[in-house]
Amino acid sequence: MNQRRKIKFGVAFFPMMVIAISLALGLVLKLLWNAILTPVLRVQPITFWQALGMFIISRILFGGFYRPRAGWKGKPGWGGSPEWRQKWMNMSEEERARFRQEWQNRCGHRKNKQE
């Protein structure tokens, strides 16, 4: 019975917190925009709803709403497989330099073509 009450509370509490945090972030964005960009760049002040819309659009375009960070689920931040990590750790400095040079030769050609 106690576990059910916790679940019901969580189901009702989570959406309310998401809405509250979104509204607070919209207000912060509005205040920052109007306090900083209006005098510096001489842009028009924005309303709360415009700020909230900009926040949502920026999250969709640039960040997404959910993205695991490095180190997610106990994995180290390096992101390579354990075999590659072990191989890298066992390389000497000369082998690492050759490895870096080989990858520069393979992947560095993109920079040369653009210049």
Protein backbone atom coordinates (compact mmCIF):
# COMPACT_ATOMS: atom_id res chain seq x y z
CA MET A 1 0.00 0.00 0.00
CA ASN A 2 2.79 2.41 0.89
CA GLN A 3 4.62 1.62 -2.40
CA ARG A 4 1.46 2.44 -4.41
CA ARG A 5 1.16 5.78 -2.70
CA LYS A 6 4.76 6.59 -3.62
CA ILE A 7 4.15 5.65 -7.26
CA LYS A 8 0.98 7.76 -7.45
CA PHE A 9 2.84 10.68 -5.89
CA GLY A 10 5.70 10.29 -8.39
CA VAL A 11 3.34 10.09 -11.36
CA ALA A 12 1.63 13.31 -10.29
CA PHE A 13 4.77 15.09 -9.07
CA PHE A 14 7.08 14.53 -12.06
CA PRO A 15 5.00 16.33 -14.74
CA MET A 16 4.37 19.22 -12.36
CA MET A 17 8.12 19.56 -11.74
CA VAL A 18 8.88 19.48 -15.47
CA ILE A 19 6.36 22.26 -16.05
CA ALA A 20 7.66 24.31 -13.11
CA ILE A 21 11.29 23.97 -14.24
CA SER A 22 10.36 24.89 -17.83
CA LEU A 23 8.50 27.98 -16.65
CA ALA A 24 11.40 29.00 -14.42
CA LEU A 25 13.91 28.57 -17.26
CA GLY A 26 11.69 30.62 -19.56
CA LEU A 27 11.58 33.40 -16.98
CA VAL A 28 15.37 33.30 -16.51
CA LEU A 29 15.91 33.40 -20.30
CA LYS A 30 13.54 36.37 -20.62
CA LEU A 31 15.25 38.28 -17.83
CA LEU A 32 18.73 37.60 -19.21
CA TRP A 33 17.73 38.55 -22.76
CA ASN A 34 16.08 41.77 -21.68
CA ALA A 35 18.87 42.70 -19.24
CA ILE A 36 21.85 41.93 -21.48
CA LEU A 37 20.96 41.94 -25.16
CA THR A 38 18.57 44.86 -25.14
CA PRO A 39 21.15 47.48 -24.09
CA VAL A 40 24.16 45.85 -25.77
CA LEU A 41 22.75 44.93 -29.19
CA ARG A 42 19.73 47.22 -29.11
CA VAL A 43 17.28 44.40 -29.79
CA GLN A 44 13.67 44.55 -28.68
CA PRO A 45 12.69 43.07 -25.33
CA ILE A 46 10.93 39.72 -25.52
CA THR A 47 7.94 38.35 -23.67
CA PHE A 48 7.88 35.33 -21.41
CA TRP A 49 6.23 33.16 -24.07
CA GLN A 50 8.79 34.18 -26.70
CA ALA A 51 11.56 33.26 -24.27
CA LEU A 52 9.96 29.90 -23.56
CA GLY A 53 9.60 29.25 -27.30
CA MET A 54 13.26 30.15 -27.87
CA PHE A 55 14.28 27.79 -25.10
CA ILE A 56 12.31 24.91 -26.61
CA ILE A 57 13.59 25.59 -30.13
CA SER A 58 17.20 25.80 -28.94
CA ARG A 59 16.88 22.52 -27.04
CA ILE A 60 15.45 20.82 -30.12
CA LEU A 61 18.04 22.23 -32.52
CA PHE A 62 21.18 22.14 -30.40
CA GLY A 63 20.79 19.93 -27.37
CA GLY A 64 17.86 17.61 -27.47
CA PHE A 65 15.94 16.93 -24.31
CA TYR A 66 17.72 13.75 -23.31
CA ARG A 67 21.31 12.87 -23.98
CA PRO A 68 23.44 10.65 -21.78
CA ARG A 69 26.71 12.25 -20.80
CA ALA A 70 30.17 10.70 -20.79
CA GLY A 71 30.49 8.24 -17.98
CA TRP A 72 26.85 7.16 -18.27
CA LYS A 73 26.07 3.87 -16.49
CA GLY A 74 29.50 3.57 -14.96
CA LYS A 75 31.42 3.75 -18.23
CA PRO A 76 34.55 5.87 -18.23
CA GLY A 77 34.45 9.14 -20.12
CA TRP A 78 36.96 8.04 -22.76
CA GLY A 79 34.32 6.21 -24.79
CA GLY A 80 36.61 3.65 -26.39
CA SER A 81 36.12 -0.05 -25.97
CA PRO A 82 38.10 -1.71 -23.17
CA GLU A 83 40.28 -3.51 -25.72
CA TRP A 84 41.33 -0.24 -27.36
CA ARG A 85 41.91 1.38 -24.00
CA GLN A 86 44.16 -1.49 -22.93
CA LYS A 87 46.01 -1.40 -26.25
CA TRP A 88 46.56 2.37 -25.94
CA MET A 89 47.80 2.05 -22.38
CA ASN A 90 50.31 -0.63 -23.42
CA MET A 91 51.77 1.44 -26.30
CA SER A 92 55.10 3.16 -25.94
CA GLU A 93 55.41 6.88 -26.70
CA GLU A 94 56.91 6.11 -30.12
CA GLU A 95 54.02 3.79 -30.99
CA ARG A 96 51.51 6.43 -29.88
CA ALA A 97 53.24 9.04 -32.04
CA ARG A 98 53.14 6.70 -35.06
CA PHE A 99 49.47 5.95 -34.36
CA ARG A 100 48.62 9.65 -34.18
CA GLN A 101 50.56 10.34 -37.37
CA GLU A 102 48.77 7.53 -39.20
CA TRP A 103 45.38 8.91 -38.17
CA GLN A 104 46.48 12.40 -39.18
CA ASN A 105 47.39 11.00 -42.59
CA ARG A 106 44.05 9.20 -42.85
CA CYS A 107 41.78 11.92 -41.49
CA GLY A 108 43.82 15.08 -41.94
CA HIS A 109 43.28 15.14 -45.70
CA ARG A 110 39.90 16.80 -45.16
CA LYS A 111 41.59 19.94 -43.86
CA ASN A 112 43.97 20.05 -46.82
CA LYS A 113 41.16 19.74 -49.38
CA GLN A 114 39.20 22.60 -47.83
CA GLU A 115 42.15 25.02 -47.82
